[in-house]
Amino acid sequence: MPEPIQRLLELPSGYRSSAVARAVWQLDDQSRRLKAATAALRPAALEWQPAPGFSTLGMLLAHVAVAEAHMTAVLLEGREHSDVASVIGIRMEDDGMPLPSDGGPPAALANQGIEFFHSMLERARQRTRRVAQELTDADLDRRIVRHPEDGTTRIYNVDWALYHLVEHIAGHHAQVLQLMHLHDRRAGA
């Protein structure tokens, strides 16, 4: 008789809130899947663009790390600004997003292997875990008010920020898979 296939969500320990622990588990699961899917990518594939102005696989992976480091600082910690470079080693603008319609990949990501991108993702996650471990259920409704340069006022709570971190990586994971498929089709694989 074959072994049973188990699909279990087992919360990580060390968190003050089970809701926060669940969000971190979801982030970790998405990261595990994203890293497994991209493990064999070479620098040429990471830099490939379907056309000028389109994101590359490397840009998408860098963007996921940049966004997580930034959102952890401003939405989970409530800081006014983030210091993405001190967390993952590149600046926010180094992911190249968004590109102008005729733009190419950013120089900061040139000739990098997949380990470079996976390392940025892991450093961002380590920071998120450290911050998230201290969050309580009461923190989930804490409001963060932001005033971006477009003149709007945006109000977030920590609970939504955790949801958005999961939504963000899942959405870009789908983009990565689609772009890998396009790359493979064009390469004749």
C-alpha atoms as a PDB file:
ATOM      1  CA  MET A   1       0.000   0.000   0.000  1.00  0.00           C
ATOM      2  CA  PRO A   2       1.451   3.417  -0.956  1.00  0.00           C
ATOM      3  CA  GLU A   3       2.313   5.960   1.721  1.00  0.00           C
ATOM      4  CA  PRO A   4      -0.438   8.517   2.324  1.00  0.00           C
ATOM      5  CA  ILE A   5       0.075  11.930   0.811  1.00  0.00           C
ATOM      6  CA  GLN A   6      -0.163  14.497   3.569  1.00  0.00           C
ATOM      7  CA  ARG A   7      -1.084  18.122   3.048  1.00  0.00           C
ATOM      8  CA  LEU A   8      -0.677  19.710   6.460  1.00  0.00           C
ATOM      9  CA  LEU A   9      -0.272  23.298   7.493  1.00  0.00           C
ATOM     10  CA  GLU A  10       1.929  23.103  10.572  1.00  0.00           C
ATOM     11  CA  LEU A  11       2.474  26.460  12.207  1.00  0.00           C
ATOM     12  CA  PRO A  12       6.061  27.470  12.914  1.00  0.00           C
ATOM     13  CA  SER A  13       6.935  27.921  16.572  1.00  0.00           C
ATOM     14  CA  GLY A  14       8.210  31.068  18.230  1.00  0.00           C
ATOM     15  CA  TYR A  15       5.383  33.408  17.206  1.00  0.00           C
ATOM     16  CA  ARG A  16       3.215  35.340  19.641  1.00  0.00           C
ATOM     17  CA  SER A  17       0.203  35.105  17.300  1.00  0.00           C
ATOM     18  CA  SER A  18      -1.077  32.021  15.498  1.00  0.00           C
ATOM     19  CA  ALA A  19      -2.537  34.262  12.758  1.00  0.00           C
ATOM     20  CA  VAL A  20       0.907  35.747  12.126  1.00  0.00           C
ATOM     21  CA  ALA A  21       2.523  32.303  12.240  1.00  0.00           C
ATOM     22  CA  ARG A  22       0.024  31.105   9.615  1.00  0.00           C
ATOM     23  CA  ALA A  23       0.920  34.015   7.301  1.00  0.00           C
ATOM     24  CA  VAL A  24       4.638  33.294   7.706  1.00  0.00           C
ATOM     25  CA  TRP A  25       4.028  29.607   6.951  1.00  0.00           C
ATOM     26  CA  GLN A  26       2.225  30.650   3.761  1.00  0.00           C
ATOM     27  CA  LEU A  27       5.087  32.967   2.791  1.00  0.00           C
ATOM     28  CA  ASP A  28       7.616  30.213   3.431  1.00  0.00           C
ATOM     29  CA  ASP A  29       5.619  27.726   1.380  1.00  0.00           C
ATOM     30  CA  GLN A  30       5.372  30.147  -1.546  1.00  0.00           C
ATOM     31  CA  SER A  31       9.117  30.826  -1.314  1.00  0.00           C
ATOM     32  CA  ARG A  32       9.942  27.134  -1.223  1.00  0.00           C
ATOM     33  CA  ARG A  33       7.887  26.573  -4.362  1.00  0.00           C
ATOM     34  CA  LEU A  34       9.341  29.625  -6.127  1.00  0.00           C
ATOM     35  CA  LYS A  35      12.923  28.607  -5.341  1.00  0.00           C
ATOM     36  CA  ALA A  36      12.291  25.021  -6.466  1.00  0.00           C
ATOM     37  CA  ALA A  37      10.772  26.211  -9.752  1.00  0.00           C
ATOM     38  CA  THR A  38      13.689  28.547 -10.493  1.00  0.00           C
ATOM     39  CA  ALA A  39      16.602  26.478  -9.133  1.00  0.00           C
ATOM     40  CA  ALA A  40      17.972  25.501 -12.556  1.00  0.00           C
ATOM     41  CA  LEU A  41      17.838  28.970 -14.127  1.00  0.00           C
ATOM     42  CA  ARG A  42      21.109  30.266 -15.593  1.00  0.00           C
ATOM     43  CA  PRO A  43      22.118  33.943 -15.893  1.00  0.00           C
ATOM     44  CA  ALA A  44      21.088  34.101 -19.570  1.00  0.00           C
ATOM     45  CA  ALA A  45      17.556  32.955 -18.691  1.00  0.00           C
ATOM     46  CA  LEU A  46      17.391  35.324 -15.709  1.00  0.00           C
ATOM     47  CA  GLU A  47      18.250  38.270 -18.015  1.00  0.00           C
ATOM     48  CA  TRP A  48      16.026  37.279 -20.968  1.00  0.00           C
ATOM     49  CA  GLN A  49      13.274  39.710 -21.967  1.00  0.00           C
ATOM     50  CA  PRO A  50      10.397  38.826 -24.280  1.00  0.00           C
ATOM     51  CA  ALA A  51      10.721  42.397 -25.628  1.00  0.00           C
ATOM     52  CA  PRO A  52      12.117  45.760 -24.453  1.00  0.00           C
ATOM     53  CA  GLY A  53      10.164  47.133 -21.504  1.00  0.00           C
ATOM     54  CA  PHE A  54       9.214  43.694 -20.180  1.00  0.00           C
ATOM     55  CA  SER A  55      10.445  42.355 -16.852  1.00  0.00           C
ATOM     56  CA  THR A  56      13.014  39.587 -16.754  1.00  0.00           C
ATOM     57  CA  LEU A  57      12.949  36.592 -14.440  1.00  0.00           C
ATOM     58  CA  GLY A  58      15.756  38.160 -12.430  1.00  0.00           C
ATOM     59  CA  MET A  59      13.866  41.431 -12.121  1.00  0.00           C
ATOM     60  CA  LEU A  60      10.778  39.638 -10.824  1.00  0.00           C
ATOM     61  CA  LEU A  61      12.778  37.678  -8.243  1.00  0.00           C
ATOM     62  CA  ALA A  62      14.626  40.817  -7.129  1.00  0.00           C
ATOM     63  CA  HIS A  63      11.333  42.721  -6.945  1.00  0.00           C
ATOM     64  CA  VAL A  64       9.795  40.116  -4.646  1.00  0.00           C
ATOM     65  CA  ALA A  65      12.764  40.510  -2.274  1.00  0.00           C
ATOM     66  CA  VAL A  66      12.775  44.329  -2.529  1.00  0.00           C
ATOM     67  CA  ALA A  67       9.046  44.566  -1.881  1.00  0.00           C
ATOM     68  CA  GLU A  68       9.131  42.185   1.080  1.00  0.00           C
ATOM     69  CA  ALA A  69      12.012  44.044   2.725  1.00  0.00           C
ATOM     70  CA  HIS A  70      10.236  47.375   2.152  1.00  0.00           C
ATOM     71  CA  MET A  71       6.784  46.233   3.294  1.00  0.00           C
ATOM     72  CA  THR A  72       8.204  44.578   6.393  1.00  0.00           C
ATOM     73  CA  ALA A  73       9.804  47.865   7.424  1.00  0.00           C
ATOM     74  CA  VAL A  74       6.975  50.276   6.637  1.00  0.00           C
ATOM     75  CA  LEU A  75       3.875  48.112   7.138  1.00  0.00           C
ATOM     76  CA  LEU A  76       4.819  45.539   9.778  1.00  0.00           C
ATOM     77  CA  GLU A  77       7.244  47.669  11.779  1.00  0.00           C
ATOM     78  CA  GLY A  78       5.548  51.004  11.009  1.00  0.00           C
ATOM     79  CA  ARG A  79       8.771  52.768  10.025  1.00  0.00           C
ATOM     80  CA  GLU A  80       8.588  55.925   7.965  1.00  0.00           C
ATOM     81  CA  HIS A  81      11.217  54.632   5.506  1.00  0.00           C
ATOM     82  CA  SER A  82      12.845  51.320   4.690  1.00  0.00           C
ATOM     83  CA  ASP A  83      16.502  50.519   4.162  1.00  0.00           C
ATOM     84  CA  VAL A  84      16.150  47.728   1.627  1.00  0.00           C
ATOM     85  CA  ALA A  85      19.856  47.732   0.745  1.00  0.00           C
ATOM     86  CA  SER A  86      20.894  46.900   4.320  1.00  0.00           C
ATOM     87  CA  VAL A  87      18.558  43.899   4.304  1.00  0.00           C
ATOM     88  CA  ILE A  88      19.058  42.351   0.843  1.00  0.00           C
ATOM     89  CA  GLY A  89      22.104  44.082  -0.659  1.00  0.00           C
ATOM     90  CA  ILE A  90      20.443  46.076  -3.460  1.00  0.00           C
ATOM     91  CA  ARG A  91      18.485  49.328  -3.420  1.00  0.00           C
ATOM     92  CA  MET A  92      14.759  49.530  -4.135  1.00  0.00           C
ATOM     93  CA  GLU A  93      15.344  50.955  -7.608  1.00  0.00           C
ATOM     94  CA  ASP A  94      17.860  48.232  -8.495  1.00  0.00           C
ATOM     95  CA  ASP A  95      15.079  45.773  -9.409  1.00  0.00           C
ATOM     96  CA  GLY A  96      14.432  47.966 -12.469  1.00  0.00           C
ATOM     97  CA  MET A  97      10.694  48.043 -11.976  1.00  0.00           C
ATOM     98  CA  PRO A  98       8.821  49.549 -13.623  1.00  0.00           C
ATOM     99  CA  LEU A  99      10.801  49.674 -16.848  1.00  0.00           C
ATOM    100  CA  PRO A 100      10.164  52.291 -19.518  1.00  0.00           C
ATOM    101  CA  SER A 101       8.547  50.858 -22.644  1.00  0.00           C
ATOM    102  CA  ASP A 102      11.941  50.580 -24.350  1.00  0.00           C
ATOM    103  CA  GLY A 103      13.894  49.616 -21.221  1.00  0.00           C
ATOM    104  CA  GLY A 104      16.313  46.790 -20.670  1.00  0.00           C
ATOM    105  CA  PRO A 105      17.276  44.913 -17.500  1.00  0.00           C
ATOM    106  CA  PRO A 106      19.075  46.908 -14.801  1.00  0.00           C
ATOM    107  CA  ALA A 107      22.859  46.678 -14.524  1.00  0.00           C
ATOM    108  CA  ALA A 108      22.631  45.740 -10.832  1.00  0.00           C
ATOM    109  CA  LEU A 109      21.196  42.340 -11.799  1.00  0.00           C
ATOM    110  CA  ALA A 110      23.510  41.581 -14.744  1.00  0.00           C
ATOM    111  CA  ASN A 111      25.450  38.320 -14.882  1.00  0.00           C
ATOM    112  CA  GLN A 112      24.018  37.031 -11.609  1.00  0.00           C
ATOM    113  CA  GLY A 113      23.324  33.377 -10.916  1.00  0.00           C
ATOM    114  CA  ILE A 114      20.187  32.086  -9.271  1.00  0.00           C
ATOM    115  CA  GLU A 115      21.975  31.896  -5.903  1.00  0.00           C
ATOM    116  CA  PHE A 116      22.172  35.713  -5.897  1.00  0.00           C
ATOM    117  CA  PHE A 117      18.406  36.004  -6.242  1.00  0.00           C
ATOM    118  CA  HIS A 118      17.571  33.189  -3.844  1.00  0.00           C
ATOM    119  CA  SER A 119      19.894  34.739  -1.261  1.00  0.00           C
ATOM    120  CA  MET A 120      18.079  38.085  -1.507  1.00  0.00           C
ATOM    121  CA  LEU A 121      14.736  36.335  -1.075  1.00  0.00           C
ATOM    122  CA  GLU A 122      16.022  34.496   2.000  1.00  0.00           C
ATOM    123  CA  ARG A 123      17.520  37.618   3.600  1.00  0.00           C
ATOM    124  CA  ALA A 124      14.238  39.468   3.141  1.00  0.00           C
ATOM    125  CA  ARG A 125      12.362  36.535   4.687  1.00  0.00           C
ATOM    126  CA  GLN A 126      14.723  36.301   7.652  1.00  0.00           C
ATOM    127  CA  ARG A 127      13.958  39.932   8.432  1.00  0.00           C
ATOM    128  CA  THR A 128      10.223  39.337   8.025  1.00  0.00           C
ATOM    129  CA  ARG A 129      10.358  36.353  10.392  1.00  0.00           C
ATOM    130  CA  ARG A 130      12.245  38.334  13.063  1.00  0.00           C
ATOM    131  CA  VAL A 131       9.730  41.174  12.907  1.00  0.00           C
ATOM    132  CA  ALA A 132       6.696  38.871  12.678  1.00  0.00           C
ATOM    133  CA  GLN A 133       7.697  36.800  15.709  1.00  0.00           C
ATOM    134  CA  GLU A 134       7.112  39.829  17.920  1.00  0.00           C
ATOM    135  CA  LEU A 135       3.647  40.647  16.542  1.00  0.00           C
ATOM    136  CA  THR A 136       0.635  39.843  18.703  1.00  0.00           C
ATOM    137  CA  ASP A 137      -3.028  39.410  17.800  1.00  0.00           C
ATOM    138  CA  ALA A 138      -3.582  42.966  19.065  1.00  0.00           C
ATOM    139  CA  ASP A 139      -0.993  44.242  16.550  1.00  0.00           C
ATOM    140  CA  LEU A 140      -3.020  42.896  13.627  1.00  0.00           C
ATOM    141  CA  ASP A 141      -5.386  45.875  13.680  1.00  0.00           C
ATOM    142  CA  ARG A 142      -2.629  48.475  14.188  1.00  0.00           C
ATOM    143  CA  ARG A 143      -3.060  51.130  11.498  1.00  0.00           C
ATOM    144  CA  ILE A 144      -0.278  52.479   9.344  1.00  0.00           C
ATOM    145  CA  VAL A 145      -0.957  55.742   7.525  1.00  0.00           C
ATOM    146  CA  ARG A 146       1.152  56.513   4.456  1.00  0.00           C
ATOM    147  CA  HIS A 147       1.216  59.658   2.320  1.00  0.00           C
ATOM    148  CA  PRO A 148       2.819  58.701  -1.017  1.00  0.00           C
ATOM    149  CA  GLU A 149       4.047  61.291  -3.495  1.00  0.00           C
ATOM    150  CA  ASP A 150       0.830  61.016  -5.530  1.00  0.00           C
ATOM    151  CA  GLY A 151      -0.960  63.064  -2.839  1.00  0.00           C
ATOM    152  CA  THR A 152      -3.201  60.273  -1.572  1.00  0.00           C
ATOM    153  CA  THR A 153      -3.540  59.019   1.961  1.00  0.00           C
ATOM    154  CA  ARG A 154      -3.366  55.257   2.382  1.00  0.00           C
ATOM    155  CA  ILE A 155      -4.316  53.423   5.530  1.00  0.00           C
ATOM    156  CA  TYR A 156      -3.235  49.838   6.089  1.00  0.00           C
ATOM    157  CA  ASN A 157      -3.435  47.495   9.020  1.00  0.00           C
ATOM    158  CA  VAL A 158      -0.850  44.844   9.900  1.00  0.00           C
ATOM    159  CA  ASP A 159      -3.297  42.024   9.144  1.00  0.00           C
ATOM    160  CA  TRP A 160      -3.788  43.307   5.572  1.00  0.00           C
ATOM    161  CA  ALA A 161      -0.022  43.786   5.188  1.00  0.00           C
ATOM    162  CA  LEU A 162       0.575  40.113   6.027  1.00  0.00           C
ATOM    163  CA  TYR A 163      -2.114  39.109   3.523  1.00  0.00           C
ATOM    164  CA  HIS A 164      -0.562  41.363   0.886  1.00  0.00           C
ATOM    165  CA  LEU A 165       2.896  39.871   1.392  1.00  0.00           C
ATOM    166  CA  VAL A 166       1.416  36.445   0.592  1.00  0.00           C
ATOM    167  CA  GLU A 167      -0.636  37.811  -2.322  1.00  0.00           C
ATOM    168  CA  HIS A 168       2.408  39.612  -3.711  1.00  0.00           C
ATOM    169  CA  ILE A 169       4.738  36.621  -3.804  1.00  0.00           C
ATOM    170  CA  ALA A 170       1.987  34.359  -5.178  1.00  0.00           C
ATOM    171  CA  GLY A 171       1.166  36.787  -7.997  1.00  0.00           C
ATOM    172  CA  HIS A 172       4.781  37.218  -9.016  1.00  0.00           C
ATOM    173  CA  HIS A 173       5.363  33.473  -8.714  1.00  0.00           C
ATOM    174  CA  ALA A 174       2.701  33.024 -11.402  1.00  0.00           C
ATOM    175  CA  GLN A 175       4.447  35.642 -13.566  1.00  0.00           C
ATOM    176  CA  VAL A 176       7.767  33.845 -13.124  1.00  0.00           C
ATOM    177  CA  LEU A 177       6.245  30.533 -14.217  1.00  0.00           C
ATOM    178  CA  GLN A 178       4.670  32.150 -17.280  1.00  0.00           C
ATOM    179  CA  LEU A 179       7.899  33.892 -18.230  1.00  0.00           C
ATOM    180  CA  MET A 180       9.850  30.640 -17.802  1.00  0.00           C
ATOM    181  CA  HIS A 181       7.360  28.943 -20.136  1.00  0.00           C
ATOM    182  CA  LEU A 182       7.782  31.717 -22.736  1.00  0.00           C
ATOM    183  CA  HIS A 183      11.562  31.525 -22.443  1.00  0.00           C
ATOM    184  CA  ASP A 184      11.546  27.751 -22.889  1.00  0.00           C
ATOM    185  CA  ARG A 185       9.233  27.996 -25.921  1.00  0.00           C
ATOM    186  CA  ARG A 186      11.466  30.587 -27.578  1.00  0.00           C
ATOM    187  CA  ALA A 187      14.570  28.548 -26.777  1.00  0.00           C
ATOM    188  CA  GLY A 188      12.925  25.456 -28.259  1.00  0.00           C
ATOM    189  CA  ALA A 189      13.034  23.501 -24.999  1.00  0.00           C
END
